[in-house]
C-alpha atoms as a PDB file:
ATOM      1  CA  MET A   1     102.438 184.258 112.061  1.00  0.00           C
ATOM      2  CA  SER A   2     101.837 188.011 112.226  1.00  0.00           C
ATOM      3  CA  LEU A   3     103.988 190.562 110.474  1.00  0.00           C
ATOM      4  CA  HIS A   4     105.497 191.731 113.757  1.00  0.00           C
ATOM      5  CA  ASP A   5     106.711 188.192 114.501  1.00  0.00           C
ATOM      6  CA  ASN A   6     108.806 188.198 111.339  1.00  0.00           C
ATOM      7  CA  VAL A   7     112.545 188.295 112.085  1.00  0.00           C
ATOM      8  CA  VAL A   8     113.313 190.733 109.271  1.00  0.00           C
ATOM      9  CA  VAL A   9     110.557 193.097 110.375  1.00  0.00           C
ATOM     10  CA  GLN A  10     111.676 192.910 113.993  1.00  0.00           C
ATOM     11  CA  THR A  11     115.277 193.608 113.022  1.00  0.00           C
ATOM     12  CA  PHE A  12     114.163 196.541 110.891  1.00  0.00           C
ATOM     13  CA  LEU A  13     112.084 198.021 113.727  1.00  0.00           C
ATOM     14  CA  HIS A  14     114.926 197.569 116.207  1.00  0.00           C
ATOM     15  CA  GLY A  15     117.136 199.615 113.914  1.00  0.00           C
ATOM     16  CA  GLY A  16     115.313 202.766 114.916  1.00  0.00           C
ATOM     17  CA  PRO A  17     113.673 205.592 112.945  1.00  0.00           C
ATOM     18  CA  ILE A  18     116.708 206.026 110.683  1.00  0.00           C
ATOM     19  CA  MET A  19     115.845 202.679 109.070  1.00  0.00           C
ATOM     20  CA  TRP A  20     112.989 204.307 107.154  1.00  0.00           C
ATOM     21  CA  PRO A  21     115.186 206.634 105.069  1.00  0.00           C
ATOM     22  CA  ILE A  22     117.620 203.742 104.670  1.00  0.00           C
ATOM     23  CA  LEU A  23     114.756 201.630 103.347  1.00  0.00           C
ATOM     24  CA  ALA A  24     113.821 204.430 100.944  1.00  0.00           C
ATOM     25  CA  THR A  25     117.369 204.511  99.541  1.00  0.00           C
ATOM     26  CA  ALA A  26     117.263 200.721  99.118  1.00  0.00           C
ATOM     27  CA  VAL A  27     113.991 200.892  97.166  1.00  0.00           C
ATOM     28  CA  VAL A  28     115.319 203.668  94.908  1.00  0.00           C
ATOM     29  CA  ALA A  29     118.590 201.801  94.340  1.00  0.00           C
ATOM     30  CA  LEU A  30     116.792 198.583  93.432  1.00  0.00           C
ATOM     31  CA  ALA A  31     114.517 200.450  91.012  1.00  0.00           C
ATOM     32  CA  VAL A  32     117.491 202.108  89.300  1.00  0.00           C
ATOM     33  CA  VAL A  33     119.424 198.836  88.987  1.00  0.00           C
ATOM     34  CA  ILE A  34     116.428 197.023  87.481  1.00  0.00           C
ATOM     35  CA  GLU A  35     115.674 199.903  85.094  1.00  0.00           C
ATOM     36  CA  ARG A  36     119.287 200.096  83.901  1.00  0.00           C
ATOM     37  CA  PHE A  37     119.523 196.329  83.334  1.00  0.00           C
ATOM     38  CA  ILE A  38     116.303 196.409  81.317  1.00  0.00           C
ATOM     39  CA  TRP A  39     117.588 199.388  79.345  1.00  0.00           C
ATOM     40  CA  GLN A  40     120.828 197.548  78.555  1.00  0.00           C
ATOM     41  CA  ILE A  41     118.913 194.513  77.294  1.00  0.00           C
ATOM     42  CA  VAL A  42     116.546 196.590  75.160  1.00  0.00           C
ATOM     43  CA  GLU A  43     119.360 198.661  73.656  1.00  0.00           C
ATOM     44  CA  LYS A  44     121.345 195.531  72.827  1.00  0.00           C
ATOM     45  CA  SER A  45     118.331 194.092  70.985  1.00  0.00           C
ATOM     46  CA  ARG A  46     118.143 197.275  68.882  1.00  0.00           C
ATOM     47  CA  ARG A  47     121.687 197.022  67.551  1.00  0.00           C
ATOM     48  CA  ARG A  48     121.967 196.539  63.798  1.00  0.00           C
ATOM     49  CA  PRO A  49     125.701 196.142  63.077  1.00  0.00           C
ATOM     50  CA  GLN A  50     125.127 194.881  59.543  1.00  0.00           C
ATOM     51  CA  GLN A  51     123.067 197.961  58.714  1.00  0.00           C
ATOM     52  CA  VAL A  52     125.807 200.159  60.185  1.00  0.00           C
ATOM     53  CA  ASP A  53     128.315 198.556  57.814  1.00  0.00           C
ATOM     54  CA  GLU A  54     125.964 199.140  54.888  1.00  0.00           C
ATOM     55  CA  VAL A  55     125.664 202.827  55.767  1.00  0.00           C
ATOM     56  CA  LEU A  56     129.437 203.153  55.987  1.00  0.00           C
ATOM     57  CA  SER A  57     129.801 201.445  52.598  1.00  0.00           C
ATOM     58  CA  LYS A  58     127.392 203.909  50.996  1.00  0.00           C
ATOM     59  CA  ILE A  59     129.263 206.852  52.520  1.00  0.00           C
ATOM     60  CA  GLU A  60     132.546 205.487  51.179  1.00  0.00           C
ATOM     61  CA  VAL A  61     131.253 205.455  47.579  1.00  0.00           C
ATOM     62  CA  GLY A  62     129.738 208.912  47.978  1.00  0.00           C
ATOM     63  CA  ASP A  63     126.079 207.872  48.247  1.00  0.00           C
ATOM     64  CA  VAL A  64     125.292 210.168  51.160  1.00  0.00           C
ATOM     65  CA  ASP A  65     121.578 210.356  50.406  1.00  0.00           C
ATOM     66  CA  GLY A  66     121.305 206.558  50.283  1.00  0.00           C
ATOM     67  CA  ALA A  67     123.236 206.240  53.541  1.00  0.00           C
ATOM     68  CA  SER A  68     121.000 208.832  55.193  1.00  0.00           C
ATOM     69  CA  LYS A  69     117.838 207.057  54.077  1.00  0.00           C
ATOM     70  CA  LEU A  70     119.174 203.727  55.345  1.00  0.00           C
ATOM     71  CA  ALA A  71     119.949 205.179  58.783  1.00  0.00           C
ATOM     72  CA  ARG A  72     116.763 207.231  59.092  1.00  0.00           C
ATOM     73  CA  ASN A  73     114.201 206.348  61.824  1.00  0.00           C
ATOM     74  CA  SER A  74     116.386 203.590  63.228  1.00  0.00           C
ATOM     75  CA  LYS A  75     116.299 202.634  66.919  1.00  0.00           C
ATOM     76  CA  ASP A  76     119.955 201.638  66.820  1.00  0.00           C
ATOM     77  CA  PRO A  77     121.874 204.398  68.686  1.00  0.00           C
ATOM     78  CA  PHE A  78     124.800 204.134  66.279  1.00  0.00           C
ATOM     79  CA  LEU A  79     122.559 204.571  63.259  1.00  0.00           C
ATOM     80  CA  ARG A  80     120.844 207.515  64.965  1.00  0.00           C
ATOM     81  CA  VAL A  81     124.199 209.215  65.436  1.00  0.00           C
ATOM     82  CA  MET A  82     125.162 208.507  61.842  1.00  0.00           C
ATOM     83  CA  TRP A  83     121.876 209.897  60.542  1.00  0.00           C
ATOM     84  CA  HIS A  84     122.249 213.129  62.507  1.00  0.00           C
ATOM     85  CA  GLY A  85     125.705 213.573  61.049  1.00  0.00           C
ATOM     86  CA  LEU A  86     124.608 212.797  57.495  1.00  0.00           C
ATOM     87  CA  HIS A  87     121.590 215.065  57.878  1.00  0.00           C
ATOM     88  CA  HIS A  88     124.038 217.953  58.371  1.00  0.00           C
ATOM     89  CA  PHE A  89     126.588 216.599  55.900  1.00  0.00           C
ATOM     90  CA  HIS A  90     127.017 219.845  53.984  1.00  0.00           C
ATOM     91  CA  SER A  91     126.986 222.156  57.006  1.00  0.00           C
ATOM     92  CA  SER A  92     128.572 220.665  60.121  1.00  0.00           C
ATOM     93  CA  LEU A  93     129.077 216.916  59.943  1.00  0.00           C
ATOM     94  CA  GLN A  94     131.485 216.723  62.879  1.00  0.00           C
ATOM     95  CA  GLY A  95     129.406 218.951  65.146  1.00  0.00           C
ATOM     96  CA  ALA A  96     126.210 217.014  64.419  1.00  0.00           C
ATOM     97  CA  LEU A  97     127.937 213.692  65.116  1.00  0.00           C
ATOM     98  CA  GLN A  98     129.347 214.944  68.418  1.00  0.00           C
ATOM     99  CA  ARG A  99     126.032 216.372  69.545  1.00  0.00           C
ATOM    100  CA  ALA A 100     124.132 213.175  68.693  1.00  0.00           C
ATOM    101  CA  ALA A 101     126.772 211.013  70.384  1.00  0.00           C
ATOM    102  CA  THR A 102     126.583 213.152  73.526  1.00  0.00           C
ATOM    103  CA  THR A 103     122.808 212.693  73.616  1.00  0.00           C
ATOM    104  CA  GLU A 104     123.161 208.923  73.350  1.00  0.00           C
ATOM    105  CA  VAL A 105     125.771 208.812  76.124  1.00  0.00           C
ATOM    106  CA  GLU A 106     123.513 210.884  78.379  1.00  0.00           C
ATOM    107  CA  ARG A 107     120.755 208.319  77.829  1.00  0.00           C
ATOM    108  CA  ALA A 108     123.179 205.556  78.793  1.00  0.00           C
ATOM    109  CA  GLU A 109     124.206 207.441  81.967  1.00  0.00           C
ATOM    110  CA  ARG A 110     120.648 208.205  83.064  1.00  0.00           C
ATOM    111  CA  PHE A 111     119.998 207.593  86.801  1.00  0.00           C
ATOM    112  CA  LEU A 112     123.596 206.467  87.436  1.00  0.00           C
ATOM    113  CA  SER A 113     124.212 209.672  89.402  1.00  0.00           C
ATOM    114  CA  ILE A 114     121.407 208.577  91.751  1.00  0.00           C
ATOM    115  CA  LEU A 115     123.125 205.229  92.281  1.00  0.00           C
ATOM    116  CA  ASP A 116     126.431 206.994  92.877  1.00  0.00           C
ATOM    117  CA  THR A 117     124.785 209.251  95.475  1.00  0.00           C
ATOM    118  CA  ILE A 118     123.249 206.284  97.289  1.00  0.00           C
ATOM    119  CA  VAL A 119     126.669 204.607  97.536  1.00  0.00           C
ATOM    120  CA  THR A 120     127.765 207.595  99.636  1.00  0.00           C
ATOM    121  CA  LEU A 121     124.463 208.392 101.322  1.00  0.00           C
ATOM    122  CA  ALA A 122     123.552 204.931 102.655  1.00  0.00           C
ATOM    123  CA  PRO A 123     126.651 204.498 104.887  1.00  0.00           C
ATOM    124  CA  LEU A 124     126.194 208.055 106.167  1.00  0.00           C
ATOM    125  CA  LEU A 125     122.613 207.280 107.139  1.00  0.00           C
ATOM    126  CA  GLY A 126     123.877 204.145 108.857  1.00  0.00           C
ATOM    127  CA  LEU A 127     126.458 206.235 110.711  1.00  0.00           C
ATOM    128  CA  LEU A 128     123.706 208.636 111.748  1.00  0.00           C
ATOM    129  CA  GLY A 129     121.774 205.652 113.088  1.00  0.00           C
ATOM    130  CA  THR A 130     124.872 204.609 115.006  1.00  0.00           C
ATOM    131  CA  VAL A 131     125.185 208.014 116.633  1.00  0.00           C
ATOM    132  CA  THR A 132     121.493 208.287 117.532  1.00  0.00           C
ATOM    133  CA  GLY A 133     121.473 204.712 118.854  1.00  0.00           C
ATOM    134  CA  ILE A 134     124.439 205.341 121.127  1.00  0.00           C
ATOM    135  CA  MET A 135     122.938 208.634 122.301  1.00  0.00           C
ATOM    136  CA  HIS A 136     119.743 206.750 123.100  1.00  0.00           C
ATOM    137  CA  SER A 137     121.770 204.190 125.081  1.00  0.00           C
ATOM    138  CA  PHE A 138     123.573 206.760 127.213  1.00  0.00           C
ATOM    139  CA  SER A 139     120.303 208.420 128.144  1.00  0.00           C
ATOM    140  CA  PHE A 140     119.530 205.357 130.342  1.00  0.00           C
ATOM    141  CA  VAL A 141     122.924 204.990 132.011  1.00  0.00           C
ATOM    142  CA  GLY A 142     121.788 206.744 135.195  1.00  0.00           C
ATOM    143  CA  ASN A 143     118.896 204.314 135.720  1.00  0.00           C
ATOM    144  CA  GLU A 144     120.340 201.259 137.504  1.00  0.00           C
ATOM    145  CA  ASP A 145     117.239 199.115 136.915  1.00  0.00           C
ATOM    146  CA  LEU A 146     117.036 199.655 133.165  1.00  0.00           C
ATOM    147  CA  ALA A 147     120.589 200.590 132.255  1.00  0.00           C
ATOM    148  CA  ALA A 148     121.836 197.189 131.031  1.00  0.00           C
ATOM    149  CA  THR A 149     118.763 196.419 128.919  1.00  0.00           C
ATOM    150  CA  LYS A 150     118.386 199.872 127.443  1.00  0.00           C
ATOM    151  CA  VAL A 151     122.085 200.355 126.726  1.00  0.00           C
ATOM    152  CA  SER A 152     122.335 197.009 124.940  1.00  0.00           C
ATOM    153  CA  GLY A 153     119.178 197.832 122.982  1.00  0.00           C
ATOM    154  CA  GLY A 154     120.627 201.150 121.850  1.00  0.00           C
ATOM    155  CA  ILE A 155     123.870 199.518 120.757  1.00  0.00           C
ATOM    156  CA  ALA A 156     121.891 196.923 118.795  1.00  0.00           C
ATOM    157  CA  GLU A 157     119.982 199.755 117.128  1.00  0.00           C
ATOM    158  CA  ALA A 158     123.254 201.402 116.172  1.00  0.00           C
ATOM    159  CA  LEU A 159     124.740 198.200 114.704  1.00  0.00           C
ATOM    160  CA  ILE A 160     121.615 197.364 112.683  1.00  0.00           C
ATOM    161  CA  ALA A 161     121.530 200.791 111.051  1.00  0.00           C
ATOM    162  CA  THR A 162     125.248 200.662 110.269  1.00  0.00           C
ATOM    163  CA  ALA A 163     125.014 197.186 108.767  1.00  0.00           C
ATOM    164  CA  ALA A 164     121.999 198.167 106.662  1.00  0.00           C
ATOM    165  CA  GLY A 165     123.717 201.282 105.314  1.00  0.00           C
ATOM    166  CA  LEU A 166     126.886 199.394 104.419  1.00  0.00           C
ATOM    167  CA  GLY A 167     124.903 196.574 102.841  1.00  0.00           C
ATOM    168  CA  ILE A 168     123.041 198.976 100.552  1.00  0.00           C
ATOM    169  CA  ALA A 169     126.288 200.720  99.566  1.00  0.00           C
ATOM    170  CA  ILE A 170     127.894 197.390  98.657  1.00  0.00           C
ATOM    171  CA  PHE A 171     124.790 196.345  96.734  1.00  0.00           C
ATOM    172  CA  CYS A 172     124.905 199.594  94.722  1.00  0.00           C
ATOM    173  CA  LEU A 173     128.656 199.695  94.159  1.00  0.00           C
ATOM    174  CA  LEU A 174     128.906 196.497  92.113  1.00  0.00           C
ATOM    175  CA  PRO A 175     126.237 197.318  89.493  1.00  0.00           C
ATOM    176  CA  LEU A 176     127.363 200.972  89.443  1.00  0.00           C
ATOM    177  CA  ASN A 177     130.881 199.957  88.419  1.00  0.00           C
ATOM    178  CA  TYR A 178     129.424 197.556  85.843  1.00  0.00           C
ATOM    179  CA  PHE A 179     127.166 200.220  84.338  1.00  0.00           C
ATOM    180  CA  ASN A 180     129.960 202.805  84.291  1.00  0.00           C
ATOM    181  CA  ARG A 181     132.175 200.348  82.431  1.00  0.00           C
ATOM    182  CA  ARG A 182     129.414 199.691  79.906  1.00  0.00           C
ATOM    183  CA  VAL A 183     128.932 203.428  79.402  1.00  0.00           C
ATOM    184  CA  GLU A 184     132.653 203.926  78.760  1.00  0.00           C
ATOM    185  CA  THR A 185     132.630 201.094  76.216  1.00  0.00           C
ATOM    186  CA  PHE A 186     129.516 202.566  74.608  1.00  0.00           C
ATOM    187  CA  ARG A 187     131.124 206.015  74.430  1.00  0.00           C
ATOM    188  CA  THR A 188     134.253 204.597  72.789  1.00  0.00           C
ATOM    189  CA  GLU A 189     132.208 202.681  70.210  1.00  0.00           C
ATOM    190  CA  LEU A 190     130.204 205.820  69.376  1.00  0.00           C
ATOM    191  CA  GLU A 191     133.387 207.857  68.987  1.00  0.00           C
ATOM    192  CA  ASN A 192     134.869 205.207  66.693  1.00  0.00           C
ATOM    193  CA  THR A 193     131.706 205.129  64.594  1.00  0.00           C
ATOM    194  CA  ALA A 194     131.636 208.919  64.323  1.00  0.00           C
ATOM    195  CA  THR A 195     135.304 208.924  63.319  1.00  0.00           C
ATOM    196  CA  ASP A 196     134.619 206.313  60.632  1.00  0.00           C
ATOM    197  CA  VAL A 197     131.804 208.455  59.236  1.00  0.00           C
ATOM    198  CA  GLU A 198     134.038 211.538  59.143  1.00  0.00           C
ATOM    199  CA  LEU A 199     136.954 209.723  57.481  1.00  0.00           C
ATOM    200  CA  LEU A 200     134.786 208.064  54.854  1.00  0.00           C
ATOM    201  CA  ALA A 201     132.906 211.309  54.199  1.00  0.00           C
ATOM    202  CA  ASN A 202     136.177 213.187  53.671  1.00  0.00           C
ATOM    203  CA  LYS A 203     137.406 210.401  51.432  1.00  0.00           C
ATOM    204  CA  SER A 204     134.254 210.536  49.298  1.00  0.00           C
ATOM    205  CA  LYS A 205     134.562 214.334  49.020  1.00  0.00           C
ATOM    206  CA  GLN A 206     138.156 214.043  47.853  1.00  0.00           C
ATOM    207  CA  LEU A 207     137.197 211.459  45.252  1.00  0.00           C
ATOM    208  CA  ALA A 208     134.373 213.695  44.064  1.00  0.00           C
ATOM    209  CA  THR A 209     136.770 216.598  43.468  1.00  0.00           C
ATOM    210  CA  VAL A 210     139.262 214.531  41.522  1.00  0.00           C
END
């Protein structure tokens, strides 16, 4: 069976020229979803919660240098944030923690704006295909011999493009909401960790002055 006999290929071709940009958005969306899922899995494997607790314990007893050494060169995003804060312990602990946390959140949000754009763009491309398909249909209304066939073909073109655009938007919306929720959880956990570092650091400073 040749490629042109394939039902999916035939349906795609009947959707008209607008199907090509729709296909491009689908490819980009799929690539982003796969990349973000892989990133989530890799980042989860890098978490070292026990080491985080050890760093916090060292900060609590005033061993800032030991805590900094323990957090240094770690791939755990929480330990990276803690190290940046401890590295600027005597200058601007809070500012360093906030800046490092912002960097980590930006890494977690990477490419999600593309997915958000596709959620809006894909249905609009489908709507554009609807309009062009209907315009193509009406161009044959005056021809009595071809009117019925051509008009129905144009309407089919319009419906295929619309369905494809909506399908891509639905496909993107579900993982986008999932990723956004994960980012919000990640941001909250980073903020809590940074707050713990600040509180324990202030506590150790107060004990040191007593």
